[in-house]
Amino acid sequence: MSTFPSLLDALVRRDGARPLVTFYDDGAGERTELSVTTYANWVAKVASLLADELDVEPRSRLLVDVPSHWLGTVVLGAAWACGLEVVWEGEADAVVTGPDGVERWAAEAGRIPVVATALHPLAGRFAAPLPAGMHDLGVEVWAQPDAYVAWPGPGDDDPAVGGTTQAALWSAAAAGTNVSDGGRLLSEANPASPPGIASLTEPLARSGSLVLLAHVSPERREQIAADERVTHRFDPGQPARS
């Protein structure tokens, strides 16, 4: 599959009920698990928010400034479903940020769409109002549909991340060595970052799954690895493939 929508559609059809992303944050006391279908529904909601509500056009540059969290995997998927190019720095046409980025990006909210997520369990809203012009994902995402189809949809040659095309991104992910077909990958790297992006793309391309950890002790990490039947561990030191 050479584009994200075709890849995700195939995964849903093959086995939508199996786990795709399992997230532990011991600092927040959170465990969230997304099946393939639930992940696809969240991707659709965020994609609809970006494309339909905020009018972010295909091939636009979406700057993703989100720490390691299950919502980061959703934002990446939403960007690729819309045909957006994910970037980590430089000029952007829209921004999605976590709570630590609210002050940084508030000044841009009058010029480009800026969406902020509080990163609460169940994608809850911020407790206090955001600066003028910023959009609270925890408020606006719930009105969006559980299905999204871009028209005409991203093509093989459309940029996906940092100048890498959709076709090149998924070809590299399918040939990656971090996880085998159907494997379960443990990672403490932020998937919404250059060193960590393969921790998401490779499980997607190889019908695997991601167990994403934040703020866990070494002892707790090993217990989770056993409980979740992890088969591989992500090494962010491997050469980047995107």
Protein backbone atom coordinates (compact mmCIF):
# COMPACT_ATOMS: atom_id res chain seq x y z
CA MET A 1 0.00 0.00 0.00
CA SER A 2 1.55 3.29 -1.09
CA THR A 3 -0.61 5.83 0.74
CA PHE A 4 -1.80 6.01 4.33
CA PRO A 5 -5.56 5.85 3.56
CA SER A 6 -5.18 2.68 1.49
CA LEU A 7 -2.94 1.09 4.14
CA LEU A 8 -5.30 1.90 7.03
CA ASP A 9 -8.36 0.77 5.09
CA ALA A 10 -6.69 -2.59 4.44
CA LEU A 11 -5.83 -2.99 8.14
CA VAL A 12 -9.40 -2.25 9.21
CA ARG A 13 -10.80 -4.75 6.72
CA ARG A 14 -8.32 -7.44 7.71
CA ASP A 15 -8.75 -7.30 11.50
CA GLY A 16 -10.19 -4.09 12.88
CA ALA A 17 -10.61 -5.41 16.41
CA ARG A 18 -6.96 -6.15 17.17
CA PRO A 19 -4.86 -3.70 19.21
CA LEU A 20 -2.84 -1.17 17.25
CA VAL A 21 -1.63 1.41 19.81
CA THR A 22 -1.37 0.71 23.54
CA PHE A 23 -0.24 3.69 25.60
CA TYR A 24 1.01 3.75 29.19
CA ASP A 25 1.74 6.97 31.08
CA ASP A 26 2.54 6.14 34.68
CA GLY A 27 2.90 9.85 35.47
CA ALA A 28 -0.79 10.35 34.67
CA GLY A 29 -1.91 6.88 35.70
CA GLU A 30 -3.21 6.27 32.18
CA ARG A 31 -3.50 3.18 30.01
CA THR A 32 -5.25 3.71 26.69
CA GLU A 33 -5.57 1.08 24.00
CA LEU A 34 -6.74 1.76 20.46
CA SER A 35 -7.83 -1.07 18.23
CA VAL A 36 -7.27 -0.65 14.51
CA THR A 37 -10.89 0.48 14.11
CA THR A 38 -10.78 2.85 17.07
CA TYR A 39 -7.56 4.35 15.77
CA ALA A 40 -9.15 4.81 12.35
CA ASN A 41 -12.16 6.53 13.96
CA TRP A 42 -9.91 8.94 15.86
CA VAL A 43 -7.89 9.63 12.73
CA ALA A 44 -11.13 10.43 10.89
CA LYS A 45 -12.28 12.83 13.60
CA VAL A 46 -9.02 14.78 13.69
CA ALA A 47 -8.72 14.74 9.89
CA SER A 48 -12.24 16.18 9.61
CA LEU A 49 -11.39 18.86 12.14
CA LEU A 50 -8.30 19.89 10.21
CA ALA A 51 -9.63 19.65 6.67
CA ASP A 52 -13.36 20.38 6.96
CA GLU A 53 -13.64 22.65 9.99
CA LEU A 54 -10.34 24.53 9.75
CA ASP A 55 -9.90 24.37 5.94
CA VAL A 56 -6.34 23.10 5.99
CA GLU A 57 -5.68 22.33 2.33
CA PRO A 58 -4.00 19.19 0.94
CA ARG A 59 -0.21 19.43 0.67
CA SER A 60 -0.18 22.04 3.45
CA ARG A 61 2.57 21.82 6.07
CA LEU A 62 1.30 20.69 9.49
CA LEU A 63 3.74 21.33 12.31
CA VAL A 64 3.27 18.69 15.01
CA ASP A 65 4.51 19.75 18.45
CA VAL A 66 3.11 16.98 20.66
CA PRO A 67 5.03 14.93 23.25
CA SER A 68 4.96 11.14 23.39
CA HIS A 69 1.25 10.27 23.63
CA TRP A 70 -1.35 8.17 21.84
CA LEU A 71 -2.88 11.35 20.43
CA GLY A 72 0.41 12.03 18.64
CA THR A 73 -0.08 8.84 16.64
CA VAL A 74 -3.60 9.99 15.77
CA VAL A 75 -2.46 13.43 14.64
CA LEU A 76 0.13 11.88 12.34
CA GLY A 77 -2.49 9.60 10.83
CA ALA A 78 -4.92 12.48 10.41
CA ALA A 79 -2.30 14.53 8.59
CA TRP A 80 -1.54 11.69 6.18
CA ALA A 81 -5.24 10.98 5.65
CA CYS A 82 -5.73 14.60 4.59
CA GLY A 83 -2.66 14.63 2.36
CA LEU A 84 -0.77 17.04 4.62
CA GLU A 85 2.99 17.14 5.06
CA VAL A 86 4.10 16.70 8.67
CA VAL A 87 6.97 18.99 9.66
CA TRP A 88 8.80 19.49 12.94
CA GLU A 89 10.12 23.03 12.41
CA GLY A 90 10.15 25.94 9.98
CA GLU A 91 7.22 27.50 8.16
CA ALA A 92 3.85 25.88 8.73
CA ASP A 93 0.29 26.28 7.45
CA ALA A 94 -1.23 24.81 10.64
CA VAL A 95 -0.05 23.60 14.04
CA VAL A 96 -1.12 20.90 16.48
CA THR A 97 0.45 21.29 19.89
CA GLY A 98 0.29 19.89 23.40
CA PRO A 99 -0.20 21.90 26.58
CA ASP A 100 3.45 22.94 26.78
CA GLY A 101 3.19 24.61 23.38
CA VAL A 102 0.15 26.78 24.07
CA GLU A 103 2.15 29.87 25.03
CA ARG A 104 4.60 29.36 22.17
CA TRP A 105 1.95 29.07 19.46
CA ALA A 106 -0.70 31.48 20.78
CA ALA A 107 0.71 34.36 18.73
CA GLU A 108 0.31 32.33 15.52
CA ALA A 109 -3.38 31.57 16.10
CA GLY A 110 -4.51 34.73 14.35
CA ARG A 111 -2.56 33.81 11.22
CA ILE A 112 -2.92 30.03 10.85
CA PRO A 113 -5.04 27.31 12.46
CA VAL A 114 -3.57 26.24 15.80
CA VAL A 115 -5.08 23.23 17.57
CA ALA A 116 -4.07 22.42 21.13
CA THR A 117 -4.67 19.23 23.07
CA ALA A 118 -4.55 19.01 26.86
CA LEU A 119 -3.45 15.36 26.57
CA HIS A 120 -5.96 14.35 29.22
CA PRO A 121 -7.35 10.81 29.24
CA LEU A 122 -10.05 10.35 26.60
CA ALA A 123 -8.73 13.51 24.91
CA GLY A 124 -10.46 15.73 27.43
CA ARG A 125 -10.62 19.52 27.11
CA PHE A 126 -8.44 22.12 28.82
CA ALA A 127 -9.69 23.18 32.23
CA ALA A 128 -9.16 26.87 31.43
CA PRO A 129 -9.99 28.74 28.21
CA LEU A 130 -7.26 28.82 25.57
CA PRO A 131 -5.85 32.08 24.18
CA ALA A 132 -8.01 33.78 21.56
CA GLY A 133 -8.02 32.02 18.21
CA MET A 134 -6.68 28.67 19.43
CA HIS A 135 -8.81 25.56 19.00
CA ASP A 136 -9.25 23.06 21.83
CA LEU A 137 -9.12 19.58 20.32
CA GLY A 138 -10.92 18.24 23.38
CA VAL A 139 -13.91 20.45 22.58
CA GLU A 140 -14.04 20.47 18.79
CA VAL A 141 -13.13 16.89 17.90
CA TRP A 142 -16.26 15.30 19.35
CA ALA A 143 -18.58 16.82 16.75
CA GLN A 144 -16.56 15.29 13.91
CA PRO A 145 -17.62 12.08 12.12
CA ASP A 146 -16.04 8.66 12.63
CA ALA A 147 -15.31 8.32 8.91
CA TYR A 148 -13.30 10.58 6.64
CA VAL A 149 -12.44 10.25 2.97
CA ALA A 150 -10.34 12.96 1.35
CA TRP A 151 -11.19 13.83 -2.24
CA PRO A 152 -9.28 13.18 -4.39
CA GLY A 153 -7.10 11.89 -1.54
CA PRO A 154 -3.32 11.86 -1.17
CA GLY A 155 -1.29 10.42 -4.01
CA ASP A 156 1.92 8.42 -4.02
CA ASP A 157 3.99 11.51 -4.77
CA ASP A 158 2.39 13.81 -2.20
CA PRO A 159 4.71 14.77 0.67
CA ALA A 160 4.04 12.93 3.93
CA VAL A 161 6.79 14.00 6.32
CA GLY A 162 9.83 16.22 5.95
CA GLY A 163 9.79 16.07 2.14
CA THR A 164 9.40 12.28 2.02
CA THR A 165 6.51 11.19 -0.18
CA GLN A 166 3.68 8.92 0.90
CA ALA A 167 4.99 6.11 -1.34
CA ALA A 168 8.55 6.43 -0.04
CA LEU A 169 7.43 6.60 3.60
CA TRP A 170 5.39 3.41 3.44
CA SER A 171 7.87 1.57 1.26
CA ALA A 172 10.60 2.26 3.82
CA ALA A 173 8.31 1.28 6.69
CA ALA A 174 7.46 -2.04 5.05
CA ALA A 175 11.19 -2.76 4.64
CA GLY A 176 12.06 -1.67 8.18
CA THR A 177 13.75 -3.89 10.74
CA ASN A 178 12.27 -2.62 14.01
CA VAL A 179 9.38 -5.08 13.99
CA SER A 180 8.49 -8.21 12.03
CA ASP A 181 5.12 -8.86 10.41
CA GLY A 182 2.46 -8.97 13.11
CA GLY A 183 4.97 -8.12 15.85
CA ARG A 184 4.36 -6.03 18.95
CA LEU A 185 6.85 -3.16 19.31
CA LEU A 186 7.73 -1.56 22.65
CA SER A 187 8.92 2.04 22.46
CA GLU A 188 9.70 4.95 24.73
CA ALA A 189 10.46 7.26 21.79
CA ASN A 190 8.01 9.95 20.72
CA PRO A 191 6.38 8.75 17.48
CA ALA A 192 5.68 12.38 16.58
CA SER A 193 9.38 13.13 16.17
CA PRO A 194 12.10 12.36 13.62
CA PRO A 195 13.84 9.73 15.81
CA GLY A 196 10.59 8.01 16.76
CA ILE A 197 8.36 8.11 13.70
CA ALA A 198 9.35 4.62 12.58
CA SER A 199 7.92 3.26 15.84
CA LEU A 200 4.51 4.03 14.33
CA THR A 201 5.02 3.64 10.60
CA GLU A 202 6.63 0.21 10.76
CA PRO A 203 3.90 -1.45 12.86
CA LEU A 204 1.31 0.11 10.54
CA ALA A 205 3.06 -1.13 7.41
CA ARG A 206 3.72 -4.61 8.82
CA SER A 207 0.36 -5.34 10.47
CA GLY A 208 1.99 -5.01 13.88
CA SER A 209 1.22 -2.92 16.93
CA LEU A 210 2.89 -0.31 19.14
CA VAL A 211 3.19 -0.34 22.92
CA LEU A 212 4.12 3.25 23.75
CA LEU A 213 5.50 4.13 27.18
CA ALA A 214 5.88 7.46 28.97
CA HIS A 215 7.19 8.15 32.47
CA VAL A 216 7.74 4.53 33.43
CA SER A 217 10.51 3.10 35.58
CA PRO A 218 12.83 0.38 34.24
CA GLU A 219 11.11 -2.19 36.45
CA ARG A 220 7.69 -1.12 35.27
CA ARG A 221 8.86 -1.21 31.64
CA GLU A 222 9.84 -4.84 31.97
CA GLN A 223 6.55 -5.74 33.61
CA ILE A 224 4.59 -4.05 30.82
CA ALA A 225 6.71 -5.79 28.21
CA ALA A 226 5.79 -9.14 29.71
CA ASP A 227 2.11 -8.29 30.22
CA GLU A 228 1.73 -6.97 26.67
CA ARG A 229 3.67 -9.85 25.10
CA VAL A 230 6.11 -7.55 23.39
CA THR A 231 8.14 -9.16 20.60
CA HIS A 232 10.45 -6.29 19.64
CA ARG A 233 11.94 -3.15 21.19
CA PHE A 234 12.36 0.07 19.29
CA ASP A 235 15.87 1.42 18.84
CA PRO A 236 15.73 5.14 17.93
CA GLY A 237 19.43 4.95 17.13
CA GLN A 238 18.74 3.04 13.94
CA PRO A 239 19.14 5.09 10.76
CA ALA A 240 16.09 7.23 10.04
CA ARG A 241 13.83 5.96 7.30
CA SER A 242 11.71 9.04 6.79
